PDB file of N, CA and C in Angstrom:
ATOM      1  N   UNK A   1     125.935 127.443 113.920  1.00  0.00           N
ATOM      2  CA  UNK A   1     124.769 127.655 112.900  1.00  0.00           C
ATOM      3  C   UNK A   1     125.131 126.640 111.934  1.00  0.00           C
ATOM      4  N   UNK A   2     126.135 126.504 111.441  1.00  0.00           N
ATOM      5  CA  UNK A   2     126.406 125.360 110.304  1.00  0.00           C
ATOM      6  C   UNK A   2     126.090 124.151 110.734  1.00  0.00           C
ATOM      7  N   UNK A   3     126.466 123.721 111.877  1.00  0.00           N
ATOM      8  CA  UNK A   3     126.296 122.480 112.606  1.00  0.00           C
ATOM      9  C   UNK A   3     124.872 122.090 112.557  1.00  0.00           C
ATOM     10  N   UNK A   4     124.109 122.938 112.948  1.00  0.00           N
ATOM     11  CA  UNK A   4     122.680 122.710 113.131  1.00  0.00           C
ATOM     12  C   UNK A   4     121.953 122.379 111.811  1.00  0.00           C
ATOM     13  N   UNK A   5     122.283 123.002 110.617  1.00  0.00           N
ATOM     14  CA  UNK A   5     122.111 122.950 109.365  1.00  0.00           C
ATOM     15  C   UNK A   5     122.468 121.365 108.930  1.00  0.00           C
ATOM     16  N   UNK A   6     123.666 121.113 109.083  1.00  0.00           N
ATOM     17  CA  UNK A   6     124.020 119.636 108.814  1.00  0.00           C
ATOM     18  C   UNK A   6     123.268 118.825 109.450  1.00  0.00           C
ATOM     19  N   UNK A   7     123.198 118.802 110.809  1.00  0.00           N
ATOM     20  CA  UNK A   7     122.354 117.879 111.454  1.00  0.00           C
ATOM     21  C   UNK A   7     120.963 117.736 111.133  1.00  0.00           C
ATOM     22  N   UNK A   8     120.357 118.702 110.574  1.00  0.00           N
ATOM     23  CA  UNK A   8     118.996 118.856 110.252  1.00  0.00           C
ATOM     24  C   UNK A   8     118.929 118.178 108.963  1.00  0.00           C
ATOM     25  N   UNK A   9     119.820 118.436 108.004  1.00  0.00           N
ATOM     26  CA  UNK A   9     119.990 117.819 106.743  1.00  0.00           C
ATOM     27  C   UNK A   9     120.134 116.376 106.768  1.00  0.00           C
ATOM     28  N   UNK A  10     121.200 115.877 107.788  1.00  0.00           N
ATOM     29  CA  UNK A  10     121.543 114.557 107.673  1.00  0.00           C
ATOM     30  C   UNK A  10     120.239 113.710 108.337  1.00  0.00           C
ATOM     31  N   UNK A  11     119.816 114.431 109.300  1.00  0.00           N
ATOM     32  CA  UNK A  11     118.609 113.719 109.861  1.00  0.00           C
ATOM     33  C   UNK A  11     117.423 113.402 108.882  1.00  0.00           C
ATOM     34  N   UNK A  12     117.189 114.474 107.864  1.00  0.00           N
ATOM     35  CA  UNK A  12     116.317 114.261 106.915  1.00  0.00           C
ATOM     36  C   UNK A  12     116.599 113.156 105.885  1.00  0.00           C
ATOM     37  N   UNK A  13     117.708 113.060 105.478  1.00  0.00           N
ATOM     38  CA  UNK A  13     118.272 112.224 104.492  1.00  0.00           C
ATOM     39  C   UNK A  13     118.093 110.832 105.427  1.00  0.00           C
ATOM     40  N   UNK A  14     118.614 110.734 106.514  1.00  0.00           N
ATOM     41  CA  UNK A  14     118.420 109.304 107.264  1.00  0.00           C
ATOM     42  C   UNK A  14     116.764 108.884 107.111  1.00  0.00           C
ATOM     43  N   UNK A  15     115.809 109.667 107.526  1.00  0.00           N
ATOM     44  CA  UNK A  15     114.430 109.516 107.541  1.00  0.00           C
ATOM     45  C   UNK A  15     113.939 109.243 106.181  1.00  0.00           C
ATOM     46  N   UNK A  16     114.443 109.914 104.907  1.00  0.00           N
ATOM     47  CA  UNK A  16     113.945 109.393 103.589  1.00  0.00           C
ATOM     48  C   UNK A  16     114.473 108.224 103.399  1.00  0.00           C
ATOM     49  N   UNK A  17     115.674 107.868 103.624  1.00  0.00           N
ATOM     50  CA  UNK A  17     116.499 106.567 103.354  1.00  0.00           C
ATOM     51  C   UNK A  17     115.694 105.348 104.006  1.00  0.00           C
ATOM     52  N   UNK A  18     115.317 105.483 105.285  1.00  0.00           N
ATOM     53  CA  UNK A  18     114.525 104.525 106.047  1.00  0.00           C
ATOM     54  C   UNK A  18     113.149 104.375 105.415  1.00  0.00           C
ATOM     55  N   UNK A  19     112.524 105.303 105.054  1.00  0.00           N
ATOM     56  CA  UNK A  19     111.177 105.381 104.355  1.00  0.00           C
ATOM     57  C   UNK A  19     111.252 104.503 103.024  1.00  0.00           C
ATOM     58  N   UNK A  20     112.341 104.854 102.367  1.00  0.00           N
ATOM     59  CA  UNK A  20     112.491 104.293 101.011  1.00  0.00           C
ATOM     60  C   UNK A  20     112.868 102.650 101.199  1.00  0.00           C
ATOM     61  N   UNK A  21     113.587 102.395 102.110  1.00  0.00           N
ATOM     62  CA  UNK A  21     113.934 101.133 102.484  1.00  0.00           C
ATOM     63  C   UNK A  21     112.556 100.358 102.950  1.00  0.00           C
ATOM     64  N   UNK A  22     111.945 100.777 103.513  1.00  0.00           N
ATOM     65  CA  UNK A  22     110.689 100.183 104.076  1.00  0.00           C
ATOM     66  C   UNK A  22     109.534 100.000 102.919  1.00  0.00           C
ATOM     67  N   UNK A  23     109.442 101.074 101.970  1.00  0.00           N
ATOM     68  CA  UNK A  23     108.586 101.008 100.835  1.00  0.00           C
ATOM     69  C   UNK A  23     109.136  99.716  99.857  1.00  0.00           C
ATOM     70  N   UNK A  24     110.508  99.796  99.567  1.00  0.00           N
ATOM     71  CA  UNK A  24     110.961  98.837  98.595  1.00  0.00           C
ATOM     72  C   UNK A  24     110.849  97.251  99.267  1.00  0.00           C
ATOM     73  N   UNK A  25     110.922  97.266 100.472  1.00  0.00           N
ATOM     74  CA  UNK A  25     110.655  95.819 101.232  1.00  0.00           C
ATOM     75  C   UNK A  25     109.146  95.402 100.980  1.00  0.00           C
ATOM     76  N   UNK A  26     108.301  96.518 101.024  1.00  0.00           N
ATOM     77  CA  UNK A  26     106.801  95.988 100.985  1.00  0.00           C
ATOM     78  C   UNK A  26     106.589  95.938  99.396  1.00  0.00           C
ATOM     79  N   UNK A  27     107.132  96.516  98.520  1.00  0.00           N
ATOM     80  CA  UNK A  27     106.683  96.336  97.132  1.00  0.00           C
ATOM     81  C   UNK A  27     107.443  94.922  96.530  1.00  0.00           C
ATOM     82  N   UNK A  28     108.802  94.790  97.007  1.00  0.00           N
ATOM     83  CA  UNK A  28     109.245  93.542  96.528  1.00  0.00           C
ATOM     84  C   UNK A  28     109.370  92.113  97.363  1.00  0.00           C
ATOM     85  N   UNK A  29     108.187  92.246  98.201  1.00  0.00           N
ATOM     86  CA  UNK A  29     107.978  91.280  99.321  1.00  0.00           C
ATOM     87  C   UNK A  29     107.788  89.947  98.399  1.00  0.00           C
ATOM     88  N   UNK A  30     108.731  88.809  98.536  1.00  0.00           N
ATOM     89  CA  UNK A  30     108.396  87.578  98.267  1.00  0.00           C
ATOM     90  C   UNK A  30     107.754  86.800  99.194  1.00  0.00           C
ATOM     91  N   UNK A  31     106.998  85.632  98.518  1.00  0.00           N
ATOM     92  CA  UNK A  31     106.252  84.893  99.212  1.00  0.00           C
ATOM     93  C   UNK A  31     107.265  84.012 100.243  1.00  0.00           C
ATOM     94  N   UNK A  32     106.548  83.235 101.215  1.00  0.00           N
ATOM     95  CA  UNK A  32     107.199  82.528 102.125  1.00  0.00           C
ATOM     96  C   UNK A  32     107.700  81.219 101.314  1.00  0.00           C
ATOM     97  N   UNK A  33     106.831  80.663 100.457  1.00  0.00           N
ATOM     98  CA  UNK A  33     107.519  79.546  99.612  1.00  0.00           C
ATOM     99  C   UNK A  33     108.769  79.849  98.809  1.00  0.00           C
ATOM    100  N   UNK A  34     109.051  81.118  98.350  1.00  0.00           N
ATOM    101  CA  UNK A  34     110.194  81.538  97.655  1.00  0.00           C
ATOM    102  C   UNK A  34     111.380  81.584  98.618  1.00  0.00           C
ATOM    103  N   UNK A  35     111.121  82.105  99.806  1.00  0.00           N
ATOM    104  CA  UNK A  35     111.895  82.287 100.666  1.00  0.00           C
ATOM    105  C   UNK A  35     112.669  80.870 101.200  1.00  0.00           C
ATOM    106  N   UNK A  36     111.628  80.078 101.463  1.00  0.00           N
ATOM    107  CA  UNK A  36     112.006  78.787 101.818  1.00  0.00           C
ATOM    108  C   UNK A  36     112.859  77.837 100.825  1.00  0.00           C
ATOM    109  N   UNK A  37     112.362  77.912  99.575  1.00  0.00           N
ATOM    110  CA  UNK A  37     112.906  77.529  98.362  1.00  0.00           C
ATOM    111  C   UNK A  37     114.554  78.092  98.212  1.00  0.00           C
ATOM    112  N   UNK A  38     114.639  79.171  98.364  1.00  0.00           N
ATOM    113  CA  UNK A  38     115.819  79.797  98.255  1.00  0.00           C
ATOM    114  C   UNK A  38     116.853  79.523  99.295  1.00  0.00           C
ATOM    115  N   UNK A  39     116.419  79.492 100.359  1.00  0.00           N
ATOM    116  CA  UNK A  39     117.166  78.790 101.865  1.00  0.00           C
ATOM    117  C   UNK A  39     117.473  77.370 101.536  1.00  0.00           C
ATOM    118  N   UNK A  40     116.754  76.556 101.002  1.00  0.00           N
ATOM    119  CA  UNK A  40     116.963  75.292 100.955  1.00  0.00           C
ATOM    120  C   UNK A  40     118.058  74.984  99.588  1.00  0.00           C
ATOM    121  N   UNK A  41     117.849  75.706  98.675  1.00  0.00           N
ATOM    122  CA  UNK A  41     118.973  75.704  97.674  1.00  0.00           C
ATOM    123  C   UNK A  41     120.345  76.110  97.955  1.00  0.00           C
ATOM    124  N   UNK A  42     120.170  77.147  98.857  1.00  0.00           N
ATOM    125  CA  UNK A  42     121.464  77.591  99.452  1.00  0.00           C
ATOM    126  C   UNK A  42     122.100  76.482 100.542  1.00  0.00           C
ATOM    127  N   UNK A  43     121.501  75.885 101.211  1.00  0.00           N
ATOM    128  CA  UNK A  43     122.109  74.739 102.184  1.00  0.00           C
ATOM    129  C   UNK A  43     122.348  73.661 101.247  1.00  0.00           C
ATOM    130  N   UNK A  44     121.620  73.402 100.399  1.00  0.00           N
ATOM    131  CA  UNK A  44     122.167  72.308  99.428  1.00  0.00           C
ATOM    132  C   UNK A  44     123.442  72.500  98.811  1.00  0.00           C
ATOM    133  N   UNK A  45     123.441  73.742  98.469  1.00  0.00           N
ATOM    134  CA  UNK A  45     124.776  74.123  97.768  1.00  0.00           C
ATOM    135  C   UNK A  45     126.066  74.211  98.682  1.00  0.00           C
ATOM    136  N   UNK A  46     125.871  74.438  99.805  1.00  0.00           N
ATOM    137  CA  UNK A  46     126.710  74.568 100.878  1.00  0.00           C
ATOM    138  C   UNK A  46     127.266  73.162 101.576  1.00  0.00           C
ATOM    139  N   UNK A  47     126.309  72.136 101.391  1.00  0.00           N
ATOM    140  CA  UNK A  47     126.504  70.739 101.826  1.00  0.00           C
ATOM    141  C   UNK A  47     127.199  70.228 100.675  1.00  0.00           C
ATOM    142  N   UNK A  48     127.079  70.541  99.396  1.00  0.00           N
ATOM    143  CA  UNK A  48     127.844  69.852  98.145  1.00  0.00           C
ATOM    144  C   UNK A  48     129.249  70.257  98.228  1.00  0.00           C
ATOM    145  N   UNK A  49     129.676  71.478  98.731  1.00  0.00           N
ATOM    146  CA  UNK A  49     130.953  71.822  98.595  1.00  0.00           C
ATOM    147  C   UNK A  49     131.910  71.346  99.711  1.00  0.00           C
TER     148      UNK A  49
END
């Protein structure tokens, strides 16, 4: 009985966390230009080292 409750509780927490993750990615979605600039800066810094 207790195992079923824990299983349902953990499944519910997992679903909530997945939804939260998806929502935050949509809200904080950066533009493609920003992504490319960040990648270029990272690659430049790696080449300099």
